[in-house]
Amino acid sequence: MNQVDHHPSALAGARNPQSAIDALIAQVANSSEPPRTGTYWIGSDVLVCQPGTDWENASHTSPRQNTGKTWVVTEFAAELSWAFEALAQIIAEHDVYTSDDRRDFYGQLAEHAIEFLGRSSAGEQTFESRSRARSLLFFTLQNARRLLDQTVSASR
């Protein structure tokens, strides 16, 4: 795998979680390659992996068992995992969600990613792979910002 592990350095010192997410969006927009990580996201009842990933030996993540996890299976697993890890860093740093709220947040982001991938797979087959990965990151981060804005508004 061509690993371009971009750590979200722009997050350091962000005043609030919204500005930290804005910094991630800017990082994606300004990078020549979509940010990605070398590990797949497994957390908060969400698993992100590439097609053909063998999870057979890990019973707690087997797709054959009803584990309650939401699986996002995509060729852009490294990029989407980067976004989830960066968001986890923001949420932890700003103490935004309780444990149950985090599961809801990541579950909704996973469902949005699945919807985007299903909706875009037919229409964007001719797009360059980097453009599709970047589009998925923008979509995911914008949804994260929207969900966070709703949480902040509800808590006022």
C-alpha atoms as a PDB file:
ATOM      1  CA  MET A   1       0.000   0.000   0.000  1.00  0.00           C
ATOM      2  CA  ASN A   2       1.298   3.434  -0.900  1.00  0.00           C
ATOM      3  CA  GLN A   3       1.218   4.938   2.558  1.00  0.00           C
ATOM      4  CA  VAL A   4       1.115   8.730   2.884  1.00  0.00           C
ATOM      5  CA  ASP A   5       0.345   8.824   6.609  1.00  0.00           C
ATOM      6  CA  HIS A   6      -0.688  12.476   7.145  1.00  0.00           C
ATOM      7  CA  HIS A   7      -1.081  13.190  10.813  1.00  0.00           C
ATOM      8  CA  PRO A   8      -3.513  16.009  11.448  1.00  0.00           C
ATOM      9  CA  SER A   9      -0.856  18.434  12.703  1.00  0.00           C
ATOM     10  CA  ALA A  10      -3.127  21.369  11.930  1.00  0.00           C
ATOM     11  CA  LEU A  11      -5.329  20.325  14.857  1.00  0.00           C
ATOM     12  CA  ALA A  12      -2.888  21.330  17.551  1.00  0.00           C
ATOM     13  CA  GLY A  13      -4.284  24.225  19.512  1.00  0.00           C
ATOM     14  CA  ALA A  14      -7.651  24.471  17.734  1.00  0.00           C
ATOM     15  CA  ARG A  15      -9.968  26.579  19.888  1.00  0.00           C
ATOM     16  CA  ASN A  16     -13.001  24.393  19.328  1.00  0.00           C
ATOM     17  CA  PRO A  17     -13.873  21.132  17.585  1.00  0.00           C
ATOM     18  CA  GLN A  18     -15.534  22.919  14.667  1.00  0.00           C
ATOM     19  CA  SER A  19     -12.368  24.847  13.826  1.00  0.00           C
ATOM     20  CA  ALA A  20     -10.365  21.613  14.151  1.00  0.00           C
ATOM     21  CA  ILE A  21     -12.639  19.945  11.580  1.00  0.00           C
ATOM     22  CA  ASP A  22     -12.292  23.009   9.354  1.00  0.00           C
ATOM     23  CA  ALA A  23      -8.514  22.540   9.598  1.00  0.00           C
ATOM     24  CA  LEU A  24      -8.903  18.916   8.464  1.00  0.00           C
ATOM     25  CA  ILE A  25     -11.004  20.021   5.497  1.00  0.00           C
ATOM     26  CA  ALA A  26      -8.315  22.551   4.566  1.00  0.00           C
ATOM     27  CA  GLN A  27      -5.635  19.873   4.940  1.00  0.00           C
ATOM     28  CA  VAL A  28      -7.481  17.600   2.497  1.00  0.00           C
ATOM     29  CA  ALA A  29      -8.009  20.488   0.071  1.00  0.00           C
ATOM     30  CA  ASN A  30      -4.364  21.552   0.156  1.00  0.00           C
ATOM     31  CA  SER A  31      -2.643  18.155  -0.003  1.00  0.00           C
ATOM     32  CA  SER A  32      -1.486  16.713  -3.310  1.00  0.00           C
ATOM     33  CA  GLU A  33      -2.458  13.203  -2.179  1.00  0.00           C
ATOM     34  CA  PRO A  34      -5.494  12.384  -0.042  1.00  0.00           C
ATOM     35  CA  PRO A  35      -4.368  11.803   3.574  1.00  0.00           C
ATOM     36  CA  ARG A  36      -4.372   8.152   4.617  1.00  0.00           C
ATOM     37  CA  THR A  37      -3.231   5.869   7.383  1.00  0.00           C
ATOM     38  CA  GLY A  38      -1.616   2.446   7.424  1.00  0.00           C
ATOM     39  CA  THR A  39      -4.198   0.906   9.746  1.00  0.00           C
ATOM     40  CA  TYR A  40      -7.921   0.430   9.369  1.00  0.00           C
ATOM     41  CA  TRP A  41     -10.386   2.007  11.773  1.00  0.00           C
ATOM     42  CA  ILE A  42     -11.985  -0.314  14.308  1.00  0.00           C
ATOM     43  CA  GLY A  43     -13.821   1.510  17.052  1.00  0.00           C
ATOM     44  CA  SER A  44     -17.145   2.800  18.335  1.00  0.00           C
ATOM     45  CA  ASP A  45     -18.951  -0.119  16.652  1.00  0.00           C
ATOM     46  CA  VAL A  46     -17.579   0.817  13.212  1.00  0.00           C
ATOM     47  CA  LEU A  47     -15.090  -1.130  11.139  1.00  0.00           C
ATOM     48  CA  VAL A  48     -13.524   0.320   7.975  1.00  0.00           C
ATOM     49  CA  CYS A  49     -11.695  -2.080   5.665  1.00  0.00           C
ATOM     50  CA  GLN A  50     -10.827  -2.803   2.049  1.00  0.00           C
ATOM     51  CA  PRO A  51     -12.670  -5.403  -0.012  1.00  0.00           C
ATOM     52  CA  GLY A  52     -11.169  -8.830   0.568  1.00  0.00           C
ATOM     53  CA  THR A  53      -9.793  -8.053   4.036  1.00  0.00           C
ATOM     54  CA  ASP A  54      -9.583 -11.311   5.979  1.00  0.00           C
ATOM     55  CA  TRP A  55     -10.988 -10.875   9.472  1.00  0.00           C
ATOM     56  CA  GLU A  56     -11.610 -14.600   9.899  1.00  0.00           C
ATOM     57  CA  ASN A  57      -9.322 -14.991  12.929  1.00  0.00           C
ATOM     58  CA  ALA A  58     -10.828 -12.079  14.836  1.00  0.00           C
ATOM     59  CA  SER A  59     -14.182 -13.353  16.100  1.00  0.00           C
ATOM     60  CA  HIS A  60     -15.211  -9.977  17.528  1.00  0.00           C
ATOM     61  CA  THR A  61     -15.021  -8.456  14.045  1.00  0.00           C
ATOM     62  CA  SER A  62     -16.228 -11.333  11.870  1.00  0.00           C
ATOM     63  CA  PRO A  63     -18.762 -10.237   9.235  1.00  0.00           C
ATOM     64  CA  ARG A  64     -20.448 -13.605   9.667  1.00  0.00           C
ATOM     65  CA  GLN A  65     -21.454 -12.803  13.240  1.00  0.00           C
ATOM     66  CA  ASN A  66     -24.022 -10.274  14.299  1.00  0.00           C
ATOM     67  CA  THR A  67     -21.636  -8.049  16.213  1.00  0.00           C
ATOM     68  CA  GLY A  68     -23.629  -4.849  15.866  1.00  0.00           C
ATOM     69  CA  LYS A  69     -20.727  -3.216  14.048  1.00  0.00           C
ATOM     70  CA  THR A  70     -21.252  -1.126  10.954  1.00  0.00           C
ATOM     71  CA  TRP A  71     -18.888  -2.269   8.208  1.00  0.00           C
ATOM     72  CA  VAL A  72     -17.643   0.222   5.634  1.00  0.00           C
ATOM     73  CA  VAL A  73     -15.925  -1.806   2.933  1.00  0.00           C
ATOM     74  CA  THR A  74     -14.195   0.433   0.415  1.00  0.00           C
ATOM     75  CA  GLU A  75     -11.063   0.729  -1.682  1.00  0.00           C
ATOM     76  CA  PHE A  76     -10.569   4.015   0.192  1.00  0.00           C
ATOM     77  CA  ALA A  77     -10.318   2.370   3.624  1.00  0.00           C
ATOM     78  CA  ALA A  78      -6.953   3.991   4.400  1.00  0.00           C
ATOM     79  CA  GLU A  79      -8.289   7.462   3.620  1.00  0.00           C
ATOM     80  CA  LEU A  80     -11.569   6.992   5.492  1.00  0.00           C
ATOM     81  CA  SER A  81      -9.700   5.502   8.460  1.00  0.00           C
ATOM     82  CA  TRP A  82      -7.494   8.609   8.512  1.00  0.00           C
ATOM     83  CA  ALA A  83     -10.602  10.798   8.785  1.00  0.00           C
ATOM     84  CA  PHE A  84     -12.081   8.677  11.591  1.00  0.00           C
ATOM     85  CA  GLU A  85      -8.771   8.719  13.508  1.00  0.00           C
ATOM     86  CA  ALA A  86      -8.416  12.492  13.094  1.00  0.00           C
ATOM     87  CA  LEU A  87     -12.005  12.988  14.268  1.00  0.00           C
ATOM     88  CA  ALA A  88     -11.360  10.726  17.267  1.00  0.00           C
ATOM     89  CA  GLN A  89      -8.416  12.946  18.184  1.00  0.00           C
ATOM     90  CA  ILE A  90     -10.617  16.046  17.999  1.00  0.00           C
ATOM     91  CA  ILE A  91     -13.422  14.477  20.021  1.00  0.00           C
ATOM     92  CA  ALA A  92     -11.020  13.286  22.722  1.00  0.00           C
ATOM     93  CA  GLU A  93      -9.166  16.607  22.895  1.00  0.00           C
ATOM     94  CA  HIS A  94     -12.365  18.636  23.211  1.00  0.00           C
ATOM     95  CA  ASP A  95     -14.299  16.056  25.277  1.00  0.00           C
ATOM     96  CA  VAL A  96     -17.293  16.417  22.971  1.00  0.00           C
ATOM     97  CA  TYR A  97     -19.200  13.137  23.347  1.00  0.00           C
ATOM     98  CA  THR A  98     -19.935  10.490  25.940  1.00  0.00           C
ATOM     99  CA  SER A  99     -19.169   6.882  25.018  1.00  0.00           C
ATOM    100  CA  ASP A 100     -22.715   6.229  23.781  1.00  0.00           C
ATOM    101  CA  ASP A 101     -22.765   9.501  21.859  1.00  0.00           C
ATOM    102  CA  ARG A 102     -19.457   8.571  20.176  1.00  0.00           C
ATOM    103  CA  ARG A 103     -20.979   5.297  18.953  1.00  0.00           C
ATOM    104  CA  ASP A 104     -23.919   7.236  17.505  1.00  0.00           C
ATOM    105  CA  PHE A 105     -21.597   9.824  15.915  1.00  0.00           C
ATOM    106  CA  TYR A 106     -19.330   7.258  14.228  1.00  0.00           C
ATOM    107  CA  GLY A 107     -22.292   5.060  13.309  1.00  0.00           C
ATOM    108  CA  GLN A 108     -23.934   7.978  11.519  1.00  0.00           C
ATOM    109  CA  LEU A 109     -20.666   8.883   9.774  1.00  0.00           C
ATOM    110  CA  ALA A 110     -20.270   5.268   8.653  1.00  0.00           C
ATOM    111  CA  GLU A 111     -23.815   5.198   7.285  1.00  0.00           C
ATOM    112  CA  HIS A 112     -23.202   8.474   5.439  1.00  0.00           C
ATOM    113  CA  ALA A 113     -19.978   7.060   3.961  1.00  0.00           C
ATOM    114  CA  ILE A 114     -21.794   3.907   2.829  1.00  0.00           C
ATOM    115  CA  GLU A 115     -24.516   6.046   1.266  1.00  0.00           C
ATOM    116  CA  PHE A 116     -21.916   8.205  -0.502  1.00  0.00           C
ATOM    117  CA  LEU A 117     -20.006   5.179  -1.779  1.00  0.00           C
ATOM    118  CA  GLY A 118     -23.172   3.538  -3.091  1.00  0.00           C
ATOM    119  CA  ARG A 119     -24.430   6.705  -4.679  1.00  0.00           C
ATOM    120  CA  SER A 120     -21.118   7.686  -6.224  1.00  0.00           C
ATOM    121  CA  SER A 121     -19.783   4.330  -7.383  1.00  0.00           C
ATOM    122  CA  ALA A 122     -21.727   4.249 -10.643  1.00  0.00           C
ATOM    123  CA  GLY A 123     -21.430   7.915 -11.553  1.00  0.00           C
ATOM    124  CA  GLU A 124     -17.790   8.413 -10.663  1.00  0.00           C
ATOM    125  CA  GLN A 125     -16.153   5.323 -12.123  1.00  0.00           C
ATOM    126  CA  THR A 126     -14.366   7.486 -14.657  1.00  0.00           C
ATOM    127  CA  PHE A 127     -13.057   9.880 -12.000  1.00  0.00           C
ATOM    128  CA  GLU A 128      -9.459   9.543 -10.967  1.00  0.00           C
ATOM    129  CA  SER A 129      -9.085   7.467  -7.798  1.00  0.00           C
ATOM    130  CA  ARG A 130      -7.538  10.374  -5.872  1.00  0.00           C
ATOM    131  CA  SER A 131     -10.529  12.556  -6.734  1.00  0.00           C
ATOM    132  CA  ARG A 132     -12.958   9.927  -5.480  1.00  0.00           C
ATOM    133  CA  ALA A 133     -10.971   9.484  -2.261  1.00  0.00           C
ATOM    134  CA  ARG A 134     -10.828  13.239  -1.732  1.00  0.00           C
ATOM    135  CA  SER A 135     -14.592  13.527  -2.365  1.00  0.00           C
ATOM    136  CA  LEU A 136     -15.247  10.827   0.248  1.00  0.00           C
ATOM    137  CA  LEU A 137     -13.073  12.688   2.767  1.00  0.00           C
ATOM    138  CA  PHE A 138     -14.817  16.007   2.121  1.00  0.00           C
ATOM    139  CA  PHE A 139     -18.230  14.350   2.431  1.00  0.00           C
ATOM    140  CA  THR A 140     -17.269  12.587   5.678  1.00  0.00           C
ATOM    141  CA  LEU A 141     -15.696  15.649   7.285  1.00  0.00           C
ATOM    142  CA  GLN A 142     -18.583  17.914   6.277  1.00  0.00           C
ATOM    143  CA  ASN A 143     -21.042  15.446   7.804  1.00  0.00           C
ATOM    144  CA  ALA A 144     -18.935  15.299  10.956  1.00  0.00           C
ATOM    145  CA  ARG A 145     -19.051  19.100  11.158  1.00  0.00           C
ATOM    146  CA  ARG A 146     -22.835  19.096  10.665  1.00  0.00           C
ATOM    147  CA  LEU A 147     -23.355  16.429  13.366  1.00  0.00           C
ATOM    148  CA  LEU A 148     -21.091  18.319  15.741  1.00  0.00           C
ATOM    149  CA  ASP A 149     -22.934  21.592  15.064  1.00  0.00           C
ATOM    150  CA  GLN A 150     -26.227  19.840  15.890  1.00  0.00           C
ATOM    151  CA  THR A 151     -24.769  18.542  19.155  1.00  0.00           C
ATOM    152  CA  VAL A 152     -23.461  21.959  20.158  1.00  0.00           C
ATOM    153  CA  SER A 153     -26.787  23.637  19.278  1.00  0.00           C
ATOM    154  CA  ALA A 154     -28.754  21.059  21.269  1.00  0.00           C
ATOM    155  CA  SER A 155     -26.572  21.549  24.345  1.00  0.00           C
ATOM    156  CA  ARG A 156     -27.205  25.313  24.530  1.00  0.00           C
END
